Every structure is written in structure tokens, then in C-alpha cells.
PDBML (XML) file of the C-alpha atoms, coordinates in Angstrom:
<?xml version="1.0" encoding="UTF-8" ?>
<PDBx:datablock datablockName="MODEL"
   xmlns:PDBx="http://pdbml.pdb.org/schema/pdbx-v50.xsd"
   xmlns:xsi="http://www.w3.org/2001/XMLSchema-instance"
   xsi:schemaLocation="http://pdbml.pdb.org/schema/pdbx-v50.xsd pdbx-v50.xsd">
   <PDBx:atom_siteCategory>
      <PDBx:atom_site id="1">
         <PDBx:B_iso_or_equiv>0.00</PDBx:B_iso_or_equiv>
         <PDBx:Cartn_x>20.291</PDBx:Cartn_x>
         <PDBx:Cartn_y>-3.526</PDBx:Cartn_y>
         <PDBx:Cartn_z>-4.383</PDBx:Cartn_z>
         <PDBx:auth_asym_id>A</PDBx:auth_asym_id>
         <PDBx:auth_atom_id>CA</PDBx:auth_atom_id>
         <PDBx:auth_comp_id>ASN</PDBx:auth_comp_id>
         <PDBx:auth_seq_id>1</PDBx:auth_seq_id>
         <PDBx:group_PDB>ATOM</PDBx:group_PDB>
         <PDBx:label_alt_id xsi:nil="true" />
         <PDBx:label_asym_id>A</PDBx:label_asym_id>
         <PDBx:label_atom_id>CA</PDBx:label_atom_id>
         <PDBx:label_comp_id>ASN</PDBx:label_comp_id>
         <PDBx:label_entity_id>1</PDBx:label_entity_id>
         <PDBx:label_seq_id>1</PDBx:label_seq_id>
         <PDBx:occupancy>1.00</PDBx:occupancy>
         <PDBx:pdbx_PDB_model_num>1</PDBx:pdbx_PDB_model_num>
         <PDBx:type_symbol>C</PDBx:type_symbol>
      </PDBx:atom_site>
      <PDBx:atom_site id="2">
         <PDBx:B_iso_or_equiv>0.00</PDBx:B_iso_or_equiv>
         <PDBx:Cartn_x>21.032</PDBx:Cartn_x>
         <PDBx:Cartn_y>-4.328</PDBx:Cartn_y>
         <PDBx:Cartn_z>-0.744</PDBx:Cartn_z>
         <PDBx:auth_asym_id>A</PDBx:auth_asym_id>
         <PDBx:auth_atom_id>CA</PDBx:auth_atom_id>
         <PDBx:auth_comp_id>LEU</PDBx:auth_comp_id>
         <PDBx:auth_seq_id>2</PDBx:auth_seq_id>
         <PDBx:group_PDB>ATOM</PDBx:group_PDB>
         <PDBx:label_alt_id xsi:nil="true" />
         <PDBx:label_asym_id>A</PDBx:label_asym_id>
         <PDBx:label_atom_id>CA</PDBx:label_atom_id>
         <PDBx:label_comp_id>LEU</PDBx:label_comp_id>
         <PDBx:label_entity_id>1</PDBx:label_entity_id>
         <PDBx:label_seq_id>2</PDBx:label_seq_id>
         <PDBx:occupancy>1.00</PDBx:occupancy>
         <PDBx:pdbx_PDB_model_num>1</PDBx:pdbx_PDB_model_num>
         <PDBx:type_symbol>C</PDBx:type_symbol>
      </PDBx:atom_site>
      <PDBx:atom_site id="3">
         <PDBx:B_iso_or_equiv>0.00</PDBx:B_iso_or_equiv>
         <PDBx:Cartn_x>20.347</PDBx:Cartn_x>
         <PDBx:Cartn_y>-2.040</PDBx:Cartn_y>
         <PDBx:Cartn_z>2.180</PDBx:Cartn_z>
         <PDBx:auth_asym_id>A</PDBx:auth_asym_id>
         <PDBx:auth_atom_id>CA</PDBx:auth_atom_id>
         <PDBx:auth_comp_id>VAL</PDBx:auth_comp_id>
         <PDBx:auth_seq_id>3</PDBx:auth_seq_id>
         <PDBx:group_PDB>ATOM</PDBx:group_PDB>
         <PDBx:label_alt_id xsi:nil="true" />
         <PDBx:label_asym_id>A</PDBx:label_asym_id>
         <PDBx:label_atom_id>CA</PDBx:label_atom_id>
         <PDBx:label_comp_id>VAL</PDBx:label_comp_id>
         <PDBx:label_entity_id>1</PDBx:label_entity_id>
         <PDBx:label_seq_id>3</PDBx:label_seq_id>
         <PDBx:occupancy>1.00</PDBx:occupancy>
         <PDBx:pdbx_PDB_model_num>1</PDBx:pdbx_PDB_model_num>
         <PDBx:type_symbol>C</PDBx:type_symbol>
      </PDBx:atom_site>
      <PDBx:atom_site id="4">
         <PDBx:B_iso_or_equiv>0.00</PDBx:B_iso_or_equiv>
         <PDBx:Cartn_x>23.218</PDBx:Cartn_x>
         <PDBx:Cartn_y>-2.391</PDBx:Cartn_y>
         <PDBx:Cartn_z>4.640</PDBx:Cartn_z>
         <PDBx:auth_asym_id>A</PDBx:auth_asym_id>
         <PDBx:auth_atom_id>CA</PDBx:auth_atom_id>
         <PDBx:auth_comp_id>THR</PDBx:auth_comp_id>
         <PDBx:auth_seq_id>4</PDBx:auth_seq_id>
         <PDBx:group_PDB>ATOM</PDBx:group_PDB>
         <PDBx:label_alt_id xsi:nil="true" />
         <PDBx:label_asym_id>A</PDBx:label_asym_id>
         <PDBx:label_atom_id>CA</PDBx:label_atom_id>
         <PDBx:label_comp_id>THR</PDBx:label_comp_id>
         <PDBx:label_entity_id>1</PDBx:label_entity_id>
         <PDBx:label_seq_id>4</PDBx:label_seq_id>
         <PDBx:occupancy>1.00</PDBx:occupancy>
         <PDBx:pdbx_PDB_model_num>1</PDBx:pdbx_PDB_model_num>
         <PDBx:type_symbol>C</PDBx:type_symbol>
      </PDBx:atom_site>
      <PDBx:atom_site id="5">
         <PDBx:B_iso_or_equiv>0.00</PDBx:B_iso_or_equiv>
         <PDBx:Cartn_x>24.331</PDBx:Cartn_x>
         <PDBx:Cartn_y>-0.351</PDBx:Cartn_y>
         <PDBx:Cartn_z>7.656</PDBx:Cartn_z>
         <PDBx:auth_asym_id>A</PDBx:auth_asym_id>
         <PDBx:auth_atom_id>CA</PDBx:auth_atom_id>
         <PDBx:auth_comp_id>LEU</PDBx:auth_comp_id>
         <PDBx:auth_seq_id>5</PDBx:auth_seq_id>
         <PDBx:group_PDB>ATOM</PDBx:group_PDB>
         <PDBx:label_alt_id xsi:nil="true" />
         <PDBx:label_asym_id>A</PDBx:label_asym_id>
         <PDBx:label_atom_id>CA</PDBx:label_atom_id>
         <PDBx:label_comp_id>LEU</PDBx:label_comp_id>
         <PDBx:label_entity_id>1</PDBx:label_entity_id>
         <PDBx:label_seq_id>5</PDBx:label_seq_id>
         <PDBx:occupancy>1.00</PDBx:occupancy>
         <PDBx:pdbx_PDB_model_num>1</PDBx:pdbx_PDB_model_num>
         <PDBx:type_symbol>C</PDBx:type_symbol>
      </PDBx:atom_site>
      <PDBx:atom_site id="6">
         <PDBx:B_iso_or_equiv>0.00</PDBx:B_iso_or_equiv>
         <PDBx:Cartn_x>27.706</PDBx:Cartn_x>
         <PDBx:Cartn_y>0.528</PDBx:Cartn_y>
         <PDBx:Cartn_z>9.112</PDBx:Cartn_z>
         <PDBx:auth_asym_id>A</PDBx:auth_asym_id>
         <PDBx:auth_atom_id>CA</PDBx:auth_atom_id>
         <PDBx:auth_comp_id>ASN</PDBx:auth_comp_id>
         <PDBx:auth_seq_id>6</PDBx:auth_seq_id>
         <PDBx:group_PDB>ATOM</PDBx:group_PDB>
         <PDBx:label_alt_id xsi:nil="true" />
         <PDBx:label_asym_id>A</PDBx:label_asym_id>
         <PDBx:label_atom_id>CA</PDBx:label_atom_id>
         <PDBx:label_comp_id>ASN</PDBx:label_comp_id>
         <PDBx:label_entity_id>1</PDBx:label_entity_id>
         <PDBx:label_seq_id>6</PDBx:label_seq_id>
         <PDBx:occupancy>1.00</PDBx:occupancy>
         <PDBx:pdbx_PDB_model_num>1</PDBx:pdbx_PDB_model_num>
         <PDBx:type_symbol>C</PDBx:type_symbol>
      </PDBx:atom_site>
      <PDBx:atom_site id="7">
         <PDBx:B_iso_or_equiv>0.00</PDBx:B_iso_or_equiv>
         <PDBx:Cartn_x>28.129</PDBx:Cartn_x>
         <PDBx:Cartn_y>-0.888</PDBx:Cartn_y>
         <PDBx:Cartn_z>12.606</PDBx:Cartn_z>
         <PDBx:auth_asym_id>A</PDBx:auth_asym_id>
         <PDBx:auth_atom_id>CA</PDBx:auth_atom_id>
         <PDBx:auth_comp_id>ALA</PDBx:auth_comp_id>
         <PDBx:auth_seq_id>7</PDBx:auth_seq_id>
         <PDBx:group_PDB>ATOM</PDBx:group_PDB>
         <PDBx:label_alt_id xsi:nil="true" />
         <PDBx:label_asym_id>A</PDBx:label_asym_id>
         <PDBx:label_atom_id>CA</PDBx:label_atom_id>
         <PDBx:label_comp_id>ALA</PDBx:label_comp_id>
         <PDBx:label_entity_id>1</PDBx:label_entity_id>
         <PDBx:label_seq_id>7</PDBx:label_seq_id>
         <PDBx:occupancy>1.00</PDBx:occupancy>
         <PDBx:pdbx_PDB_model_num>1</PDBx:pdbx_PDB_model_num>
         <PDBx:type_symbol>C</PDBx:type_symbol>
      </PDBx:atom_site>
      <PDBx:atom_site id="8">
         <PDBx:B_iso_or_equiv>0.00</PDBx:B_iso_or_equiv>
         <PDBx:Cartn_x>30.227</PDBx:Cartn_x>
         <PDBx:Cartn_y>2.143</PDBx:Cartn_y>
         <PDBx:Cartn_z>13.616</PDBx:Cartn_z>
         <PDBx:auth_asym_id>A</PDBx:auth_asym_id>
         <PDBx:auth_atom_id>CA</PDBx:auth_atom_id>
         <PDBx:auth_comp_id>ASP</PDBx:auth_comp_id>
         <PDBx:auth_seq_id>8</PDBx:auth_seq_id>
         <PDBx:group_PDB>ATOM</PDBx:group_PDB>
         <PDBx:label_alt_id xsi:nil="true" />
         <PDBx:label_asym_id>A</PDBx:label_asym_id>
         <PDBx:label_atom_id>CA</PDBx:label_atom_id>
         <PDBx:label_comp_id>ASP</PDBx:label_comp_id>
         <PDBx:label_entity_id>1</PDBx:label_entity_id>
         <PDBx:label_seq_id>8</PDBx:label_seq_id>
         <PDBx:occupancy>1.00</PDBx:occupancy>
         <PDBx:pdbx_PDB_model_num>1</PDBx:pdbx_PDB_model_num>
         <PDBx:type_symbol>C</PDBx:type_symbol>
      </PDBx:atom_site>
      <PDBx:atom_site id="9">
         <PDBx:B_iso_or_equiv>0.00</PDBx:B_iso_or_equiv>
         <PDBx:Cartn_x>27.352</PDBx:Cartn_x>
         <PDBx:Cartn_y>4.567</PDBx:Cartn_y>
         <PDBx:Cartn_z>13.130</PDBx:Cartn_z>
         <PDBx:auth_asym_id>A</PDBx:auth_asym_id>
         <PDBx:auth_atom_id>CA</PDBx:auth_atom_id>
         <PDBx:auth_comp_id>LEU</PDBx:auth_comp_id>
         <PDBx:auth_seq_id>9</PDBx:auth_seq_id>
         <PDBx:group_PDB>ATOM</PDBx:group_PDB>
         <PDBx:label_alt_id xsi:nil="true" />
         <PDBx:label_asym_id>A</PDBx:label_asym_id>
         <PDBx:label_atom_id>CA</PDBx:label_atom_id>
         <PDBx:label_comp_id>LEU</PDBx:label_comp_id>
         <PDBx:label_entity_id>1</PDBx:label_entity_id>
         <PDBx:label_seq_id>9</PDBx:label_seq_id>
         <PDBx:occupancy>1.00</PDBx:occupancy>
         <PDBx:pdbx_PDB_model_num>1</PDBx:pdbx_PDB_model_num>
         <PDBx:type_symbol>C</PDBx:type_symbol>
      </PDBx:atom_site>
      <PDBx:atom_site id="10">
         <PDBx:B_iso_or_equiv>0.00</PDBx:B_iso_or_equiv>
         <PDBx:Cartn_x>25.673</PDBx:Cartn_x>
         <PDBx:Cartn_y>5.941</PDBx:Cartn_y>
         <PDBx:Cartn_z>16.204</PDBx:Cartn_z>
         <PDBx:auth_asym_id>A</PDBx:auth_asym_id>
         <PDBx:auth_atom_id>CA</PDBx:auth_atom_id>
         <PDBx:auth_comp_id>GLU</PDBx:auth_comp_id>
         <PDBx:auth_seq_id>10</PDBx:auth_seq_id>
         <PDBx:group_PDB>ATOM</PDBx:group_PDB>
         <PDBx:label_alt_id xsi:nil="true" />
         <PDBx:label_asym_id>A</PDBx:label_asym_id>
         <PDBx:label_atom_id>CA</PDBx:label_atom_id>
         <PDBx:label_comp_id>GLU</PDBx:label_comp_id>
         <PDBx:label_entity_id>1</PDBx:label_entity_id>
         <PDBx:label_seq_id>10</PDBx:label_seq_id>
         <PDBx:occupancy>1.00</PDBx:occupancy>
         <PDBx:pdbx_PDB_model_num>1</PDBx:pdbx_PDB_model_num>
         <PDBx:type_symbol>C</PDBx:type_symbol>
      </PDBx:atom_site>
      <PDBx:atom_site id="11">
         <PDBx:B_iso_or_equiv>0.00</PDBx:B_iso_or_equiv>
         <PDBx:Cartn_x>22.946</PDBx:Cartn_x>
         <PDBx:Cartn_y>3.586</PDBx:Cartn_y>
         <PDBx:Cartn_z>17.451</PDBx:Cartn_z>
         <PDBx:auth_asym_id>A</PDBx:auth_asym_id>
         <PDBx:auth_atom_id>CA</PDBx:auth_atom_id>
         <PDBx:auth_comp_id>PRO</PDBx:auth_comp_id>
         <PDBx:auth_seq_id>11</PDBx:auth_seq_id>
         <PDBx:group_PDB>ATOM</PDBx:group_PDB>
         <PDBx:label_alt_id xsi:nil="true" />
         <PDBx:label_asym_id>A</PDBx:label_asym_id>
         <PDBx:label_atom_id>CA</PDBx:label_atom_id>
         <PDBx:label_comp_id>PRO</PDBx:label_comp_id>
         <PDBx:label_entity_id>1</PDBx:label_entity_id>
         <PDBx:label_seq_id>11</PDBx:label_seq_id>
         <PDBx:occupancy>1.00</PDBx:occupancy>
         <PDBx:pdbx_PDB_model_num>1</PDBx:pdbx_PDB_model_num>
         <PDBx:type_symbol>C</PDBx:type_symbol>
      </PDBx:atom_site>
      <PDBx:atom_site id="12">
         <PDBx:B_iso_or_equiv>0.00</PDBx:B_iso_or_equiv>
         <PDBx:Cartn_x>20.355</PDBx:Cartn_x>
         <PDBx:Cartn_y>6.335</PDBx:Cartn_y>
         <PDBx:Cartn_z>17.050</PDBx:Cartn_z>
         <PDBx:auth_asym_id>A</PDBx:auth_asym_id>
         <PDBx:auth_atom_id>CA</PDBx:auth_atom_id>
         <PDBx:auth_comp_id>PHE</PDBx:auth_comp_id>
         <PDBx:auth_seq_id>12</PDBx:auth_seq_id>
         <PDBx:group_PDB>ATOM</PDBx:group_PDB>
         <PDBx:label_alt_id xsi:nil="true" />
         <PDBx:label_asym_id>A</PDBx:label_asym_id>
         <PDBx:label_atom_id>CA</PDBx:label_atom_id>
         <PDBx:label_comp_id>PHE</PDBx:label_comp_id>
         <PDBx:label_entity_id>1</PDBx:label_entity_id>
         <PDBx:label_seq_id>12</PDBx:label_seq_id>
         <PDBx:occupancy>1.00</PDBx:occupancy>
         <PDBx:pdbx_PDB_model_num>1</PDBx:pdbx_PDB_model_num>
         <PDBx:type_symbol>C</PDBx:type_symbol>
      </PDBx:atom_site>
      <PDBx:atom_site id="13">
         <PDBx:B_iso_or_equiv>0.00</PDBx:B_iso_or_equiv>
         <PDBx:Cartn_x>21.168</PDBx:Cartn_x>
         <PDBx:Cartn_y>6.720</PDBx:Cartn_y>
         <PDBx:Cartn_z>13.339</PDBx:Cartn_z>
         <PDBx:auth_asym_id>A</PDBx:auth_asym_id>
         <PDBx:auth_atom_id>CA</PDBx:auth_atom_id>
         <PDBx:auth_comp_id>LYS</PDBx:auth_comp_id>
         <PDBx:auth_seq_id>13</PDBx:auth_seq_id>
         <PDBx:group_PDB>ATOM</PDBx:group_PDB>
         <PDBx:label_alt_id xsi:nil="true" />
         <PDBx:label_asym_id>A</PDBx:label_asym_id>
         <PDBx:label_atom_id>CA</PDBx:label_atom_id>
         <PDBx:label_comp_id>LYS</PDBx:label_comp_id>
         <PDBx:label_entity_id>1</PDBx:label_entity_id>
         <PDBx:label_seq_id>13</PDBx:label_seq_id>
         <PDBx:occupancy>1.00</PDBx:occupancy>
         <PDBx:pdbx_PDB_model_num>1</PDBx:pdbx_PDB_model_num>
         <PDBx:type_symbol>C</PDBx:type_symbol>
      </PDBx:atom_site>
      <PDBx:atom_site id="14">
         <PDBx:B_iso_or_equiv>0.00</PDBx:B_iso_or_equiv>
         <PDBx:Cartn_x>21.100</PDBx:Cartn_x>
         <PDBx:Cartn_y>2.975</PDBx:Cartn_y>
         <PDBx:Cartn_z>12.818</PDBx:Cartn_z>
         <PDBx:auth_asym_id>A</PDBx:auth_asym_id>
         <PDBx:auth_atom_id>CA</PDBx:auth_atom_id>
         <PDBx:auth_comp_id>ILE</PDBx:auth_comp_id>
         <PDBx:auth_seq_id>14</PDBx:auth_seq_id>
         <PDBx:group_PDB>ATOM</PDBx:group_PDB>
         <PDBx:label_alt_id xsi:nil="true" />
         <PDBx:label_asym_id>A</PDBx:label_asym_id>
         <PDBx:label_atom_id>CA</PDBx:label_atom_id>
         <PDBx:label_comp_id>ILE</PDBx:label_comp_id>
         <PDBx:label_entity_id>1</PDBx:label_entity_id>
         <PDBx:label_seq_id>14</PDBx:label_seq_id>
         <PDBx:occupancy>1.00</PDBx:occupancy>
         <PDBx:pdbx_PDB_model_num>1</PDBx:pdbx_PDB_model_num>
         <PDBx:type_symbol>C</PDBx:type_symbol>
      </PDBx:atom_site>
      <PDBx:atom_site id="15">
         <PDBx:B_iso_or_equiv>0.00</PDBx:B_iso_or_equiv>
         <PDBx:Cartn_x>17.739</PDBx:Cartn_x>
         <PDBx:Cartn_y>2.696</PDBx:Cartn_y>
         <PDBx:Cartn_z>14.529</PDBx:Cartn_z>
         <PDBx:auth_asym_id>A</PDBx:auth_asym_id>
         <PDBx:auth_atom_id>CA</PDBx:auth_atom_id>
         <PDBx:auth_comp_id>ILE</PDBx:auth_comp_id>
         <PDBx:auth_seq_id>15</PDBx:auth_seq_id>
         <PDBx:group_PDB>ATOM</PDBx:group_PDB>
         <PDBx:label_alt_id xsi:nil="true" />
         <PDBx:label_asym_id>A</PDBx:label_asym_id>
         <PDBx:label_atom_id>CA</PDBx:label_atom_id>
         <PDBx:label_comp_id>ILE</PDBx:label_comp_id>
         <PDBx:label_entity_id>1</PDBx:label_entity_id>
         <PDBx:label_seq_id>15</PDBx:label_seq_id>
         <PDBx:occupancy>1.00</PDBx:occupancy>
         <PDBx:pdbx_PDB_model_num>1</PDBx:pdbx_PDB_model_num>
         <PDBx:type_symbol>C</PDBx:type_symbol>
      </PDBx:atom_site>
      <PDBx:atom_site id="16">
         <PDBx:B_iso_or_equiv>0.00</PDBx:B_iso_or_equiv>
         <PDBx:Cartn_x>16.366</PDBx:Cartn_x>
         <PDBx:Cartn_y>5.561</PDBx:Cartn_y>
         <PDBx:Cartn_z>12.420</PDBx:Cartn_z>
         <PDBx:auth_asym_id>A</PDBx:auth_asym_id>
         <PDBx:auth_atom_id>CA</PDBx:auth_atom_id>
         <PDBx:auth_comp_id>SER</PDBx:auth_comp_id>
         <PDBx:auth_seq_id>16</PDBx:auth_seq_id>
         <PDBx:group_PDB>ATOM</PDBx:group_PDB>
         <PDBx:label_alt_id xsi:nil="true" />
         <PDBx:label_asym_id>A</PDBx:label_asym_id>
         <PDBx:label_atom_id>CA</PDBx:label_atom_id>
         <PDBx:label_comp_id>SER</PDBx:label_comp_id>
         <PDBx:label_entity_id>1</PDBx:label_entity_id>
         <PDBx:label_seq_id>16</PDBx:label_seq_id>
         <PDBx:occupancy>1.00</PDBx:occupancy>
         <PDBx:pdbx_PDB_model_num>1</PDBx:pdbx_PDB_model_num>
         <PDBx:type_symbol>C</PDBx:type_symbol>
      </PDBx:atom_site>
      <PDBx:atom_site id="17">
         <PDBx:B_iso_or_equiv>0.00</PDBx:B_iso_or_equiv>
         <PDBx:Cartn_x>17.500</PDBx:Cartn_x>
         <PDBx:Cartn_y>3.797</PDBx:Cartn_y>
         <PDBx:Cartn_z>9.237</PDBx:Cartn_z>
         <PDBx:auth_asym_id>A</PDBx:auth_asym_id>
         <PDBx:auth_atom_id>CA</PDBx:auth_atom_id>
         <PDBx:auth_comp_id>GLU</PDBx:auth_comp_id>
         <PDBx:auth_seq_id>17</PDBx:auth_seq_id>
         <PDBx:group_PDB>ATOM</PDBx:group_PDB>
         <PDBx:label_alt_id xsi:nil="true" />
         <PDBx:label_asym_id>A</PDBx:label_asym_id>
         <PDBx:label_atom_id>CA</PDBx:label_atom_id>
         <PDBx:label_comp_id>GLU</PDBx:label_comp_id>
         <PDBx:label_entity_id>1</PDBx:label_entity_id>
         <PDBx:label_seq_id>17</PDBx:label_seq_id>
         <PDBx:occupancy>1.00</PDBx:occupancy>
         <PDBx:pdbx_PDB_model_num>1</PDBx:pdbx_PDB_model_num>
         <PDBx:type_symbol>C</PDBx:type_symbol>
      </PDBx:atom_site>
      <PDBx:atom_site id="18">
         <PDBx:B_iso_or_equiv>0.00</PDBx:B_iso_or_equiv>
         <PDBx:Cartn_x>15.870</PDBx:Cartn_x>
         <PDBx:Cartn_y>0.551</PDBx:Cartn_y>
         <PDBx:Cartn_z>10.342</PDBx:Cartn_z>
         <PDBx:auth_asym_id>A</PDBx:auth_asym_id>
         <PDBx:auth_atom_id>CA</PDBx:auth_atom_id>
         <PDBx:auth_comp_id>ILE</PDBx:auth_comp_id>
         <PDBx:auth_seq_id>18</PDBx:auth_seq_id>
         <PDBx:group_PDB>ATOM</PDBx:group_PDB>
         <PDBx:label_alt_id xsi:nil="true" />
         <PDBx:label_asym_id>A</PDBx:label_asym_id>
         <PDBx:label_atom_id>CA</PDBx:label_atom_id>
         <PDBx:label_comp_id>ILE</PDBx:label_comp_id>
         <PDBx:label_entity_id>1</PDBx:label_entity_id>
         <PDBx:label_seq_id>18</PDBx:label_seq_id>
         <PDBx:occupancy>1.00</PDBx:occupancy>
         <PDBx:pdbx_PDB_model_num>1</PDBx:pdbx_PDB_model_num>
         <PDBx:type_symbol>C</PDBx:type_symbol>
      </PDBx:atom_site>
      <PDBx:atom_site id="19">
         <PDBx:B_iso_or_equiv>0.00</PDBx:B_iso_or_equiv>
         <PDBx:Cartn_x>12.589</PDBx:Cartn_x>
         <PDBx:Cartn_y>2.248</PDBx:Cartn_y>
         <PDBx:Cartn_z>11.237</PDBx:Cartn_z>
         <PDBx:auth_asym_id>A</PDBx:auth_asym_id>
         <PDBx:auth_atom_id>CA</PDBx:auth_atom_id>
         <PDBx:auth_comp_id>VAL</PDBx:auth_comp_id>
         <PDBx:auth_seq_id>19</PDBx:auth_seq_id>
         <PDBx:group_PDB>ATOM</PDBx:group_PDB>
         <PDBx:label_alt_id xsi:nil="true" />
         <PDBx:label_asym_id>A</PDBx:label_asym_id>
         <PDBx:label_atom_id>CA</PDBx:label_atom_id>
         <PDBx:label_comp_id>VAL</PDBx:label_comp_id>
         <PDBx:label_entity_id>1</PDBx:label_entity_id>
         <PDBx:label_seq_id>19</PDBx:label_seq_id>
         <PDBx:occupancy>1.00</PDBx:occupancy>
         <PDBx:pdbx_PDB_model_num>1</PDBx:pdbx_PDB_model_num>
         <PDBx:type_symbol>C</PDBx:type_symbol>
      </PDBx:atom_site>
      <PDBx:atom_site id="20">
         <PDBx:B_iso_or_equiv>0.00</PDBx:B_iso_or_equiv>
         <PDBx:Cartn_x>12.439</PDBx:Cartn_x>
         <PDBx:Cartn_y>4.030</PDBx:Cartn_y>
         <PDBx:Cartn_z>7.877</PDBx:Cartn_z>
         <PDBx:auth_asym_id>A</PDBx:auth_asym_id>
         <PDBx:auth_atom_id>CA</PDBx:auth_atom_id>
         <PDBx:auth_comp_id>ASN</PDBx:auth_comp_id>
         <PDBx:auth_seq_id>20</PDBx:auth_seq_id>
         <PDBx:group_PDB>ATOM</PDBx:group_PDB>
         <PDBx:label_alt_id xsi:nil="true" />
         <PDBx:label_asym_id>A</PDBx:label_asym_id>
         <PDBx:label_atom_id>CA</PDBx:label_atom_id>
         <PDBx:label_comp_id>ASN</PDBx:label_comp_id>
         <PDBx:label_entity_id>1</PDBx:label_entity_id>
         <PDBx:label_seq_id>20</PDBx:label_seq_id>
         <PDBx:occupancy>1.00</PDBx:occupancy>
         <PDBx:pdbx_PDB_model_num>1</PDBx:pdbx_PDB_model_num>
         <PDBx:type_symbol>C</PDBx:type_symbol>
      </PDBx:atom_site>
      <PDBx:atom_site id="21">
         <PDBx:B_iso_or_equiv>0.00</PDBx:B_iso_or_equiv>
         <PDBx:Cartn_x>13.345</PDBx:Cartn_x>
         <PDBx:Cartn_y>0.901</PDBx:Cartn_y>
         <PDBx:Cartn_z>5.884</PDBx:Cartn_z>
         <PDBx:auth_asym_id>A</PDBx:auth_asym_id>
         <PDBx:auth_atom_id>CA</PDBx:auth_atom_id>
         <PDBx:auth_comp_id>SER</PDBx:auth_comp_id>
         <PDBx:auth_seq_id>21</PDBx:auth_seq_id>
         <PDBx:group_PDB>ATOM</PDBx:group_PDB>
         <PDBx:label_alt_id xsi:nil="true" />
         <PDBx:label_asym_id>A</PDBx:label_asym_id>
         <PDBx:label_atom_id>CA</PDBx:label_atom_id>
         <PDBx:label_comp_id>SER</PDBx:label_comp_id>
         <PDBx:label_entity_id>1</PDBx:label_entity_id>
         <PDBx:label_seq_id>21</PDBx:label_seq_id>
         <PDBx:occupancy>1.00</PDBx:occupancy>
         <PDBx:pdbx_PDB_model_num>1</PDBx:pdbx_PDB_model_num>
         <PDBx:type_symbol>C</PDBx:type_symbol>
      </PDBx:atom_site>
      <PDBx:atom_site id="22">
         <PDBx:B_iso_or_equiv>0.00</PDBx:B_iso_or_equiv>
         <PDBx:Cartn_x>10.773</PDBx:Cartn_x>
         <PDBx:Cartn_y>-1.444</PDBx:Cartn_y>
         <PDBx:Cartn_z>4.339</PDBx:Cartn_z>
         <PDBx:auth_asym_id>A</PDBx:auth_asym_id>
         <PDBx:auth_atom_id>CA</PDBx:auth_atom_id>
         <PDBx:auth_comp_id>GLN</PDBx:auth_comp_id>
         <PDBx:auth_seq_id>22</PDBx:auth_seq_id>
         <PDBx:group_PDB>ATOM</PDBx:group_PDB>
         <PDBx:label_alt_id xsi:nil="true" />
         <PDBx:label_asym_id>A</PDBx:label_asym_id>
         <PDBx:label_atom_id>CA</PDBx:label_atom_id>
         <PDBx:label_comp_id>GLN</PDBx:label_comp_id>
         <PDBx:label_entity_id>1</PDBx:label_entity_id>
         <PDBx:label_seq_id>22</PDBx:label_seq_id>
         <PDBx:occupancy>1.00</PDBx:occupancy>
         <PDBx:pdbx_PDB_model_num>1</PDBx:pdbx_PDB_model_num>
         <PDBx:type_symbol>C</PDBx:type_symbol>
      </PDBx:atom_site>
      <PDBx:atom_site id="23">
         <PDBx:B_iso_or_equiv>0.00</PDBx:B_iso_or_equiv>
         <PDBx:Cartn_x>12.938</PDBx:Cartn_x>
         <PDBx:Cartn_y>-4.438</PDBx:Cartn_y>
         <PDBx:Cartn_z>5.345</PDBx:Cartn_z>
         <PDBx:auth_asym_id>A</PDBx:auth_asym_id>
         <PDBx:auth_atom_id>CA</PDBx:auth_atom_id>
         <PDBx:auth_comp_id>PHE</PDBx:auth_comp_id>
         <PDBx:auth_seq_id>23</PDBx:auth_seq_id>
         <PDBx:group_PDB>ATOM</PDBx:group_PDB>
         <PDBx:label_alt_id xsi:nil="true" />
         <PDBx:label_asym_id>A</PDBx:label_asym_id>
         <PDBx:label_atom_id>CA</PDBx:label_atom_id>
         <PDBx:label_comp_id>PHE</PDBx:label_comp_id>
         <PDBx:label_entity_id>1</PDBx:label_entity_id>
         <PDBx:label_seq_id>23</PDBx:label_seq_id>
         <PDBx:occupancy>1.00</PDBx:occupancy>
         <PDBx:pdbx_PDB_model_num>1</PDBx:pdbx_PDB_model_num>
         <PDBx:type_symbol>C</PDBx:type_symbol>
      </PDBx:atom_site>
      <PDBx:atom_site id="24">
         <PDBx:B_iso_or_equiv>0.00</PDBx:B_iso_or_equiv>
         <PDBx:Cartn_x>12.693</PDBx:Cartn_x>
         <PDBx:Cartn_y>-6.315</PDBx:Cartn_y>
         <PDBx:Cartn_z>8.629</PDBx:Cartn_z>
         <PDBx:auth_asym_id>A</PDBx:auth_asym_id>
         <PDBx:auth_atom_id>CA</PDBx:auth_atom_id>
         <PDBx:auth_comp_id>THR</PDBx:auth_comp_id>
         <PDBx:auth_seq_id>24</PDBx:auth_seq_id>
         <PDBx:group_PDB>ATOM</PDBx:group_PDB>
         <PDBx:label_alt_id xsi:nil="true" />
         <PDBx:label_asym_id>A</PDBx:label_asym_id>
         <PDBx:label_atom_id>CA</PDBx:label_atom_id>
         <PDBx:label_comp_id>THR</PDBx:label_comp_id>
         <PDBx:label_entity_id>1</PDBx:label_entity_id>
         <PDBx:label_seq_id>24</PDBx:label_seq_id>
         <PDBx:occupancy>1.00</PDBx:occupancy>
         <PDBx:pdbx_PDB_model_num>1</PDBx:pdbx_PDB_model_num>
         <PDBx:type_symbol>C</PDBx:type_symbol>
      </PDBx:atom_site>
      <PDBx:atom_site id="25">
         <PDBx:B_iso_or_equiv>0.00</PDBx:B_iso_or_equiv>
         <PDBx:Cartn_x>16.240</PDBx:Cartn_x>
         <PDBx:Cartn_y>-7.734</PDBx:Cartn_y>
         <PDBx:Cartn_z>8.466</PDBx:Cartn_z>
         <PDBx:auth_asym_id>A</PDBx:auth_asym_id>
         <PDBx:auth_atom_id>CA</PDBx:auth_atom_id>
         <PDBx:auth_comp_id>ARG</PDBx:auth_comp_id>
         <PDBx:auth_seq_id>25</PDBx:auth_seq_id>
         <PDBx:group_PDB>ATOM</PDBx:group_PDB>
         <PDBx:label_alt_id xsi:nil="true" />
         <PDBx:label_asym_id>A</PDBx:label_asym_id>
         <PDBx:label_atom_id>CA</PDBx:label_atom_id>
         <PDBx:label_comp_id>ARG</PDBx:label_comp_id>
         <PDBx:label_entity_id>1</PDBx:label_entity_id>
         <PDBx:label_seq_id>25</PDBx:label_seq_id>
         <PDBx:occupancy>1.00</PDBx:occupancy>
         <PDBx:pdbx_PDB_model_num>1</PDBx:pdbx_PDB_model_num>
         <PDBx:type_symbol>C</PDBx:type_symbol>
      </PDBx:atom_site>
   </PDBx:atom_siteCategory>
</PDBx:datablock>
């Protein structure tokens, strides 16, 4: 049930995922 992100993704994609997520961490 975790939301995790790949560090090798482009920073813009990572930031978009974080902004659209309901989690702060």
C-alpha cells in the first residue's frame, strides 16, 4: 500500500507525483 518513487526519474516527474499525492513524506 506504499507510495514510493524511483530516484532515477526526472525531477519534474517526481515533483509532479509528490504534488498530486495525499502524503507529505
